[in-house]
């Protein structure tokens, strides 16, 4: 099973962004980002689209989905 929170955090770290940076740039609260990264809740698809666009990756990449 994919650890979505781990994937979200990975992409943030790869882009060298803090939670506050992402909050400032996307309008998504750092509290929500932290909760998602820690696996407490899952973001809805609208937020996933915002994050994928922000990190300049696909939705599949954002959640760690690989194709065979």
N, C-alpha and C. Protein backbone atom coordinates (compact mmCIF):
# COMPACT_ATOMS: atom_id res chain seq x y z
N UNK A 1 0.84 -1.18 0.00
CA UNK A 1 0.00 0.00 0.00
C UNK A 1 0.89 1.25 0.00
N UNK A 2 0.48 2.24 -0.75
CA UNK A 2 1.23 3.48 -0.87
C UNK A 2 1.00 4.35 0.37
N UNK A 3 2.08 4.88 0.91
CA UNK A 3 1.99 5.84 2.02
C UNK A 3 1.90 7.23 1.40
N UNK A 4 0.69 7.72 1.25
CA UNK A 4 0.47 8.99 0.56
C UNK A 4 1.14 10.16 1.26
N UNK A 5 1.09 10.18 2.56
CA UNK A 5 1.72 11.26 3.31
C UNK A 5 3.22 11.32 3.06
N UNK A 6 3.84 10.16 3.04
CA UNK A 6 5.27 10.09 2.77
C UNK A 6 5.58 10.63 1.38
N UNK A 7 4.74 10.30 0.42
CA UNK A 7 4.92 10.79 -0.95
C UNK A 7 4.76 12.30 -1.03
N UNK A 8 3.76 12.83 -0.35
CA UNK A 8 3.55 14.28 -0.35
C UNK A 8 4.76 15.00 0.24
N UNK A 9 5.26 14.48 1.35
CA UNK A 9 6.42 15.10 1.99
C UNK A 9 7.65 14.98 1.09
N UNK A 10 7.83 13.84 0.46
CA UNK A 10 8.97 13.63 -0.43
C UNK A 10 9.02 14.71 -1.51
N UNK A 11 7.91 14.95 -2.16
CA UNK A 11 7.88 15.94 -3.24
C UNK A 11 8.13 17.35 -2.73
N UNK A 12 7.66 17.64 -1.54
CA UNK A 12 7.93 18.96 -0.95
C UNK A 12 9.42 19.12 -0.67
N UNK A 13 10.02 18.11 -0.10
CA UNK A 13 11.45 18.15 0.24
C UNK A 13 12.31 18.22 -1.02
N UNK A 14 11.95 17.44 -2.05
CA UNK A 14 12.70 17.47 -3.31
C UNK A 14 12.72 18.87 -3.90
N UNK A 15 11.63 19.59 -3.76
CA UNK A 15 11.54 20.97 -4.27
C UNK A 15 12.14 21.98 -3.30
N UNK A 16 12.69 21.47 -2.18
CA UNK A 16 13.34 22.32 -1.19
C UNK A 16 12.39 23.39 -0.64
N UNK A 17 11.18 22.95 -0.30
CA UNK A 17 10.15 23.86 0.21
C UNK A 17 9.79 23.48 1.64
N UNK A 18 9.56 24.49 2.46
CA UNK A 18 9.05 24.26 3.81
C UNK A 18 7.53 24.23 3.74
N UNK A 19 6.91 23.80 4.83
CA UNK A 19 5.45 23.83 4.89
C UNK A 19 4.95 25.26 4.71
N UNK A 20 5.64 26.20 5.29
CA UNK A 20 5.25 27.62 5.18
C UNK A 20 5.39 28.12 3.75
N UNK A 21 6.43 27.67 3.04
CA UNK A 21 6.59 28.06 1.64
C UNK A 21 5.39 27.60 0.81
N UNK A 22 5.02 26.34 1.01
CA UNK A 22 3.90 25.79 0.24
C UNK A 22 2.61 26.51 0.61
N UNK A 23 2.44 26.78 1.89
CA UNK A 23 1.25 27.52 2.34
C UNK A 23 1.19 28.89 1.66
N UNK A 24 2.29 29.61 1.67
CA UNK A 24 2.33 30.95 1.09
C UNK A 24 2.06 30.91 -0.41
N UNK A 25 2.63 29.92 -1.09
CA UNK A 25 2.52 29.86 -2.55
C UNK A 25 1.20 29.28 -3.06
N UNK A 26 0.55 28.42 -2.26
CA UNK A 26 -0.66 27.74 -2.74
C UNK A 26 -1.93 28.17 -2.01
N UNK A 27 -1.79 28.73 -0.82
CA UNK A 27 -2.96 29.06 -0.02
C UNK A 27 -3.47 27.90 0.81
N UNK A 28 -2.81 26.75 0.72
CA UNK A 28 -3.18 25.58 1.53
C UNK A 28 -2.49 25.73 2.89
N UNK A 29 -3.26 25.65 3.96
CA UNK A 29 -2.68 25.88 5.28
C UNK A 29 -1.60 24.85 5.62
N UNK A 30 -0.57 25.32 6.32
CA UNK A 30 0.50 24.41 6.73
C UNK A 30 -0.03 23.35 7.69
N UNK A 31 -1.08 23.68 8.42
CA UNK A 31 -1.70 22.69 9.31
C UNK A 31 -2.26 21.53 8.50
N UNK A 32 -2.99 21.84 7.42
CA UNK A 32 -3.52 20.78 6.57
C UNK A 32 -2.40 20.00 5.92
N UNK A 33 -1.40 20.69 5.41
CA UNK A 33 -0.28 20.01 4.77
C UNK A 33 0.39 19.03 5.74
N UNK A 34 0.61 19.48 6.95
CA UNK A 34 1.23 18.63 7.97
C UNK A 34 0.37 17.41 8.29
N UNK A 35 -0.92 17.62 8.43
CA UNK A 35 -1.84 16.50 8.72
C UNK A 35 -1.82 15.48 7.59
N UNK A 36 -1.75 15.96 6.34
CA UNK A 36 -1.69 15.04 5.20
C UNK A 36 -0.38 14.28 5.19
N UNK A 37 0.72 15.00 5.41
CA UNK A 37 2.04 14.36 5.38
C UNK A 37 2.21 13.36 6.51
N UNK A 38 1.54 13.58 7.62
CA UNK A 38 1.63 12.66 8.75
C UNK A 38 0.59 11.55 8.70
N UNK A 39 -0.18 11.51 7.62
CA UNK A 39 -1.14 10.43 7.44
C UNK A 39 -2.36 10.49 8.32
N UNK A 40 -2.63 11.65 8.89
CA UNK A 40 -3.81 11.78 9.76
C UNK A 40 -5.10 11.86 8.96
N UNK A 41 -5.03 12.52 7.82
CA UNK A 41 -6.16 12.62 6.89
C UNK A 41 -5.62 12.64 5.47
N UNK A 42 -6.48 12.41 4.50
CA UNK A 42 -6.09 12.49 3.10
C UNK A 42 -6.66 13.76 2.48
N UNK A 43 -5.89 14.41 1.61
CA UNK A 43 -6.42 15.59 0.93
C UNK A 43 -7.44 15.19 -0.12
N UNK A 44 -8.36 16.10 -0.42
CA UNK A 44 -9.30 15.81 -1.50
C UNK A 44 -8.61 16.05 -2.84
N UNK A 45 -9.24 15.64 -3.89
CA UNK A 45 -8.64 15.70 -5.22
C UNK A 45 -8.31 17.14 -5.63
N UNK A 46 -9.10 18.10 -5.22
CA UNK A 46 -8.82 19.50 -5.58
C UNK A 46 -7.46 19.95 -5.04
N UNK A 47 -7.17 19.58 -3.80
CA UNK A 47 -5.88 19.94 -3.21
C UNK A 47 -4.75 19.16 -3.87
N UNK A 48 -5.01 17.93 -4.25
CA UNK A 48 -3.99 17.13 -4.95
C UNK A 48 -3.62 17.78 -6.28
N UNK A 49 -4.61 18.28 -6.99
CA UNK A 49 -4.36 18.95 -8.27
C UNK A 49 -3.51 20.20 -8.04
N UNK A 50 -3.84 20.98 -7.02
CA UNK A 50 -3.06 22.18 -6.70
C UNK A 50 -1.60 21.80 -6.40
N UNK A 51 -1.40 20.77 -5.59
CA UNK A 51 -0.04 20.38 -5.23
C UNK A 51 0.72 19.81 -6.42
N UNK A 52 0.07 19.00 -7.24
CA UNK A 52 0.74 18.45 -8.42
C UNK A 52 1.16 19.57 -9.36
N UNK A 53 0.29 20.53 -9.57
CA UNK A 53 0.64 21.69 -10.40
C UNK A 53 1.79 22.47 -9.79
N UNK A 54 1.74 22.68 -8.49
CA UNK A 54 2.77 23.43 -7.79
C UNK A 54 4.14 22.76 -7.90
N UNK A 55 4.15 21.43 -7.73
CA UNK A 55 5.41 20.69 -7.81
C UNK A 55 5.80 20.34 -9.25
N UNK A 56 4.92 20.69 -10.20
CA UNK A 56 5.13 20.42 -11.62
C UNK A 56 5.32 18.93 -11.90
N UNK A 57 4.39 18.14 -11.35
CA UNK A 57 4.38 16.70 -11.55
C UNK A 57 2.95 16.24 -11.81
N UNK A 58 2.81 14.99 -12.23
CA UNK A 58 1.48 14.44 -12.46
C UNK A 58 0.84 14.02 -11.14
N UNK A 59 -0.46 13.81 -11.17
CA UNK A 59 -1.14 13.30 -9.97
C UNK A 59 -0.60 11.93 -9.59
N UNK A 60 -0.30 11.10 -10.58
CA UNK A 60 0.27 9.78 -10.29
C UNK A 60 1.61 9.91 -9.56
N UNK A 61 2.44 10.81 -10.01
CA UNK A 61 3.73 11.04 -9.34
C UNK A 61 3.51 11.55 -7.92
N UNK A 62 2.56 12.44 -7.77
CA UNK A 62 2.30 13.03 -6.45
C UNK A 62 2.00 11.97 -5.41
N UNK A 63 1.27 10.95 -5.78
CA UNK A 63 0.88 9.92 -4.82
C UNK A 63 1.75 8.67 -4.90
N UNK A 64 2.79 8.70 -5.72
CA UNK A 64 3.71 7.57 -5.78
C UNK A 64 3.20 6.40 -6.56
N UNK A 65 2.32 6.64 -7.50
CA UNK A 65 1.76 5.56 -8.30
C UNK A 65 2.66 5.31 -9.51
N UNK A 66 3.17 4.10 -9.61
CA UNK A 66 4.02 3.70 -10.72
C UNK A 66 3.25 2.81 -11.67
N UNK A 67 3.60 2.92 -12.93
CA UNK A 67 3.02 2.03 -13.92
C UNK A 67 4.04 0.96 -14.25
N UNK A 68 3.55 -0.25 -14.52
CA UNK A 68 4.48 -1.34 -14.85
C UNK A 68 5.21 -1.10 -16.15
